[in-house]
Amino acid sequence: MAAALPPPECVLCHRSDTSLDGCGPMLQVDGVCAHVHCLRCCVCRKKGATVACWQKRCSRRFHLPCSSQRGCISQFFGDYSSFCWEHRPQQSVETLQEGHTTCIICMEVVEDSLSYTTMVCPSCKHAWFHRGCIQGQALRAGLRHFACPHCRDRERFLPEMLQMGIRVPNKKPAWEQDEEEEPALPQLYGRCDARQCLYRGGREQWQEEG
């Protein structure tokens, strides 16, 4: 008697069970198997969701572009883990704002406490900023120059921002790239092309004026 074949495994969550854990029934097309809910984004409810929450037994999956709409994060280092809004890491800095606090980058008002969109430097605890603003700074500064915009700390600031899902590319800062790409100044044409040049100094010379 032939041995029974193992049940098909979902290519996304790598589990074969179809129990009531949120993944739903298994679909199989051309030998490729996946749970119904593993293919559906928990944010926009459309198909093609391939980013999974790393929390054990959490069945939430989402498109990477949809993640910010519900407060999901993806970490761009180490294991490149992703987390849904319920299981994402949180900043644990103990600090209080003084009155209406503004973002140190865009100068717009931030929320009155830490959240997905409002963050703070874990070192000086005075620099508050929007997630989108600090992400923009990280993309411009690159890994070697990314630091707190207030105290310039990197030792605590950089690991915490990476942990919170801020992507810091390993590249030259934008200002160095701009200098390299700056076109050379055009050279002035320095020869008279008239049939009969009247300047005593010759065709290759010119007056300072005129």
Protein backbone atom coordinates (compact mmCIF):
# COMPACT_ATOMS: atom_id res chain seq x y z
CA MET A 1 0.00 0.00 0.00
CA ALA A 2 1.47 3.36 -1.04
CA ALA A 3 2.26 5.84 1.69
CA ALA A 4 -0.14 8.75 1.97
CA LEU A 5 1.14 12.02 0.52
CA PRO A 6 1.60 14.90 2.95
CA PRO A 7 -1.02 17.64 2.72
CA PRO A 8 -0.14 20.59 0.46
CA GLU A 9 1.68 23.49 2.06
CA CYS A 10 0.80 27.14 1.61
CA VAL A 11 3.62 28.92 -0.25
CA LEU A 12 3.08 32.07 1.83
CA CYS A 13 2.69 30.92 5.43
CA HIS A 14 4.29 27.47 4.94
CA ARG A 15 1.52 25.74 6.87
CA SER A 16 -0.68 22.96 5.61
CA ASP A 17 -3.57 23.15 8.10
CA THR A 18 -6.91 24.70 7.23
CA SER A 19 -8.12 25.04 10.80
CA LEU A 20 -9.98 28.09 12.04
CA ASP A 21 -6.93 30.30 12.48
CA GLY A 22 -7.90 32.96 10.00
CA CYS A 23 -6.11 31.55 6.96
CA GLY A 24 -9.19 30.00 5.34
CA PRO A 25 -9.37 27.09 2.88
CA MET A 26 -6.48 26.05 0.66
CA LEU A 27 -6.44 26.89 -3.05
CA GLN A 28 -4.30 25.03 -5.57
CA VAL A 29 -3.53 26.24 -9.10
CA ASP A 30 -0.94 24.52 -11.31
CA GLY A 31 0.62 22.84 -8.30
CA VAL A 32 0.94 26.08 -6.30
CA CYS A 33 -1.01 26.10 -3.03
CA ALA A 34 -2.03 29.00 -0.82
CA HIS A 35 -4.68 29.78 1.79
CA VAL A 36 -7.45 32.09 0.64
CA HIS A 37 -6.73 34.71 3.29
CA CYS A 38 -2.97 34.51 2.77
CA LEU A 39 -3.62 35.94 -0.70
CA ARG A 40 -5.86 38.78 0.51
CA CYS A 41 -4.64 42.10 1.96
CA CYS A 42 -6.08 42.85 5.41
CA VAL A 43 -6.01 46.57 4.58
CA CYS A 44 -7.46 46.95 1.07
CA ARG A 45 -9.06 43.44 0.92
CA LYS A 46 -7.63 42.85 -2.55
CA LYS A 47 -5.59 39.86 -3.70
CA GLY A 48 -1.83 39.55 -3.95
CA ALA A 49 -0.83 40.24 -0.34
CA THR A 50 2.62 38.71 0.26
CA VAL A 51 3.87 40.56 3.37
CA ALA A 52 3.03 38.62 6.53
CA CYS A 53 3.08 39.65 10.17
CA TRP A 54 5.92 37.85 11.95
CA GLN A 55 4.00 37.45 15.19
CA LYS A 56 3.40 33.76 15.78
CA ARG A 57 -0.10 32.61 14.80
CA CYS A 58 -1.05 36.03 13.40
CA SER A 59 -2.68 35.54 10.00
CA ARG A 60 -2.65 39.16 8.83
CA ARG A 61 -1.06 39.82 5.45
CA PHE A 62 -0.86 43.00 3.45
CA HIS A 63 0.60 44.72 0.42
CA LEU A 64 3.71 46.73 1.24
CA PRO A 65 2.17 49.98 -0.12
CA CYS A 66 -0.95 49.40 2.02
CA SER A 67 0.97 48.90 5.26
CA SER A 68 1.20 52.57 6.26
CA GLN A 69 -2.58 53.02 5.93
CA ARG A 70 -3.17 50.79 8.98
CA GLY A 71 0.07 51.34 10.88
CA CYS A 72 1.89 48.18 9.83
CA ILE A 73 5.68 48.32 9.61
CA SER A 74 8.44 46.48 7.76
CA GLN A 75 11.99 46.42 9.08
CA PHE A 76 14.73 46.83 6.48
CA PHE A 77 17.55 45.05 8.30
CA GLY A 78 18.32 41.63 9.79
CA ASP A 79 15.50 39.21 9.01
CA TYR A 80 13.45 41.95 7.29
CA SER A 81 10.51 41.28 9.59
CA SER A 82 7.09 42.85 9.11
CA PHE A 83 4.39 43.44 11.70
CA CYS A 84 0.71 44.33 11.62
CA TRP A 85 -0.73 47.27 13.57
CA GLU A 86 -1.41 45.11 16.62
CA HIS A 87 2.02 43.48 16.91
CA ARG A 88 4.37 46.18 15.66
CA PRO A 89 7.15 47.34 18.04
CA GLN A 90 6.42 50.48 20.04
CA GLN A 91 8.72 53.21 21.28
CA SER A 92 9.16 52.96 25.06
CA VAL A 93 10.76 56.36 25.65
CA GLU A 94 9.48 58.00 28.83
CA THR A 95 9.05 61.67 27.97
CA LEU A 96 6.38 64.34 28.04
CA GLN A 97 5.69 67.16 25.62
CA GLU A 98 5.67 70.77 26.72
CA GLY A 99 2.53 72.39 25.36
CA HIS A 100 1.92 72.18 21.62
CA THR A 101 4.97 70.40 20.24
CA THR A 102 5.95 70.72 16.60
CA CYS A 103 7.87 68.41 14.30
CA ILE A 104 11.53 69.44 14.29
CA ILE A 105 11.67 68.85 10.53
CA CYS A 106 8.46 70.30 9.03
CA MET A 107 7.50 72.52 12.02
CA GLU A 108 3.90 71.27 11.91
CA VAL A 109 2.16 70.16 15.13
CA VAL A 110 2.60 66.50 16.11
CA GLU A 111 0.23 64.33 18.16
CA ASP A 112 0.35 64.79 21.93
CA SER A 113 1.80 61.29 22.54
CA LEU A 114 3.83 58.61 20.81
CA SER A 115 2.02 56.80 18.02
CA TYR A 116 2.62 55.26 14.61
CA THR A 117 2.87 58.69 12.99
CA THR A 118 4.52 60.60 15.88
CA MET A 119 8.00 59.61 17.07
CA VAL A 120 10.72 61.00 19.34
CA CYS A 121 14.49 60.71 19.61
CA PRO A 122 15.33 58.11 22.31
CA SER A 123 18.53 59.94 23.20
CA CYS A 124 17.71 63.62 23.76
CA LYS A 125 13.93 63.02 24.14
CA HIS A 126 13.30 66.55 22.88
CA ALA A 127 13.21 66.03 19.12
CA TRP A 128 9.68 65.07 18.07
CA PHE A 129 8.92 64.33 14.42
CA HIS A 130 6.43 62.77 12.06
CA ARG A 131 7.22 59.30 10.73
CA GLY A 132 7.00 60.57 7.17
CA CYS A 133 9.38 63.46 7.91
CA ILE A 134 12.08 61.33 9.53
CA GLN A 135 11.73 58.76 6.75
CA GLY A 136 12.38 61.48 4.19
CA GLN A 137 15.47 62.58 6.10
CA ALA A 138 16.74 58.99 6.26
CA LEU A 139 16.42 58.60 2.50
CA ARG A 140 18.34 61.83 1.91
CA ALA A 141 21.08 61.31 4.52
CA GLY A 142 21.86 57.63 3.96
CA LEU A 143 23.29 55.21 6.52
CA ARG A 144 26.54 57.08 7.24
CA HIS A 145 24.95 60.45 8.01
CA PHE A 146 21.51 59.62 9.45
CA ALA A 147 21.26 61.03 12.97
CA CYS A 148 18.87 62.83 15.29
CA PRO A 149 18.15 66.23 13.71
CA HIS A 150 18.41 67.87 17.15
CA CYS A 151 21.20 66.23 19.19
CA ARG A 152 22.95 64.46 16.28
CA ASP A 153 23.10 61.20 18.25
CA ARG A 154 23.52 58.02 16.18
CA GLU A 155 24.34 55.35 18.77
CA ARG A 156 20.80 55.05 20.14
CA PHE A 157 18.89 56.90 17.44
CA LEU A 158 19.81 54.75 14.43
CA PRO A 159 18.99 51.30 15.93
CA GLU A 160 15.67 52.57 17.28
CA MET A 161 14.60 54.09 13.98
CA LEU A 162 15.47 50.85 12.16
CA GLN A 163 13.48 48.89 14.74
CA MET A 164 10.49 51.20 14.19
CA GLY A 165 10.49 50.51 10.44
CA ILE A 166 12.40 53.53 9.13
CA ARG A 167 14.29 52.54 5.98
CA VAL A 168 17.84 53.89 5.94
CA PRO A 169 19.54 53.12 2.61
CA ASN A 170 23.25 52.34 2.51
CA LYS A 171 24.17 55.03 0.01
CA LYS A 172 25.86 58.39 -0.28
CA PRO A 173 23.87 61.35 1.08
CA ALA A 174 21.82 63.28 -1.43
CA TRP A 175 24.01 66.38 -1.18
CA GLU A 176 27.11 64.42 -2.26
CA GLN A 177 25.25 62.92 -5.19
CA ASP A 178 24.09 66.40 -6.23
CA GLU A 179 27.69 67.61 -6.28
CA GLU A 180 28.79 64.68 -8.45
CA GLU A 181 25.94 65.18 -10.90
CA GLU A 182 26.34 68.96 -11.15
CA PRO A 183 27.19 69.73 -14.79
CA ALA A 184 30.42 71.55 -15.58
CA LEU A 185 30.12 75.22 -16.47
CA PRO A 186 30.12 75.78 -20.22
CA GLN A 187 33.32 77.25 -21.67
CA LEU A 188 33.13 80.56 -23.48
CA TYR A 189 34.02 80.55 -27.13
CA GLY A 190 37.39 82.30 -27.36
CA ARG A 191 38.10 82.91 -31.03
CA CYS A 192 36.96 85.59 -33.46
CA ASP A 193 35.48 84.07 -36.63
CA ALA A 194 35.15 87.27 -38.64
CA ARG A 195 36.68 87.14 -42.14
CA GLN A 196 38.88 90.10 -41.22
CA CYS A 197 39.59 90.40 -37.48
CA LEU A 198 40.23 94.04 -36.53
CA TYR A 199 41.50 93.41 -33.00
CA ARG A 200 45.22 94.08 -32.68
CA GLY A 201 45.71 91.31 -30.18
CA GLY A 202 44.69 88.62 -32.68
CA ARG A 203 41.77 86.21 -33.10
CA GLU A 204 42.52 84.31 -29.88
CA GLN A 205 42.42 87.43 -27.67
CA TRP A 206 39.54 89.62 -26.51
CA GLN A 207 38.89 92.80 -24.61
CA GLU A 208 37.40 92.68 -21.12
CA GLU A 209 34.43 94.67 -22.39
CA GLY A 210 32.71 94.94 -25.77
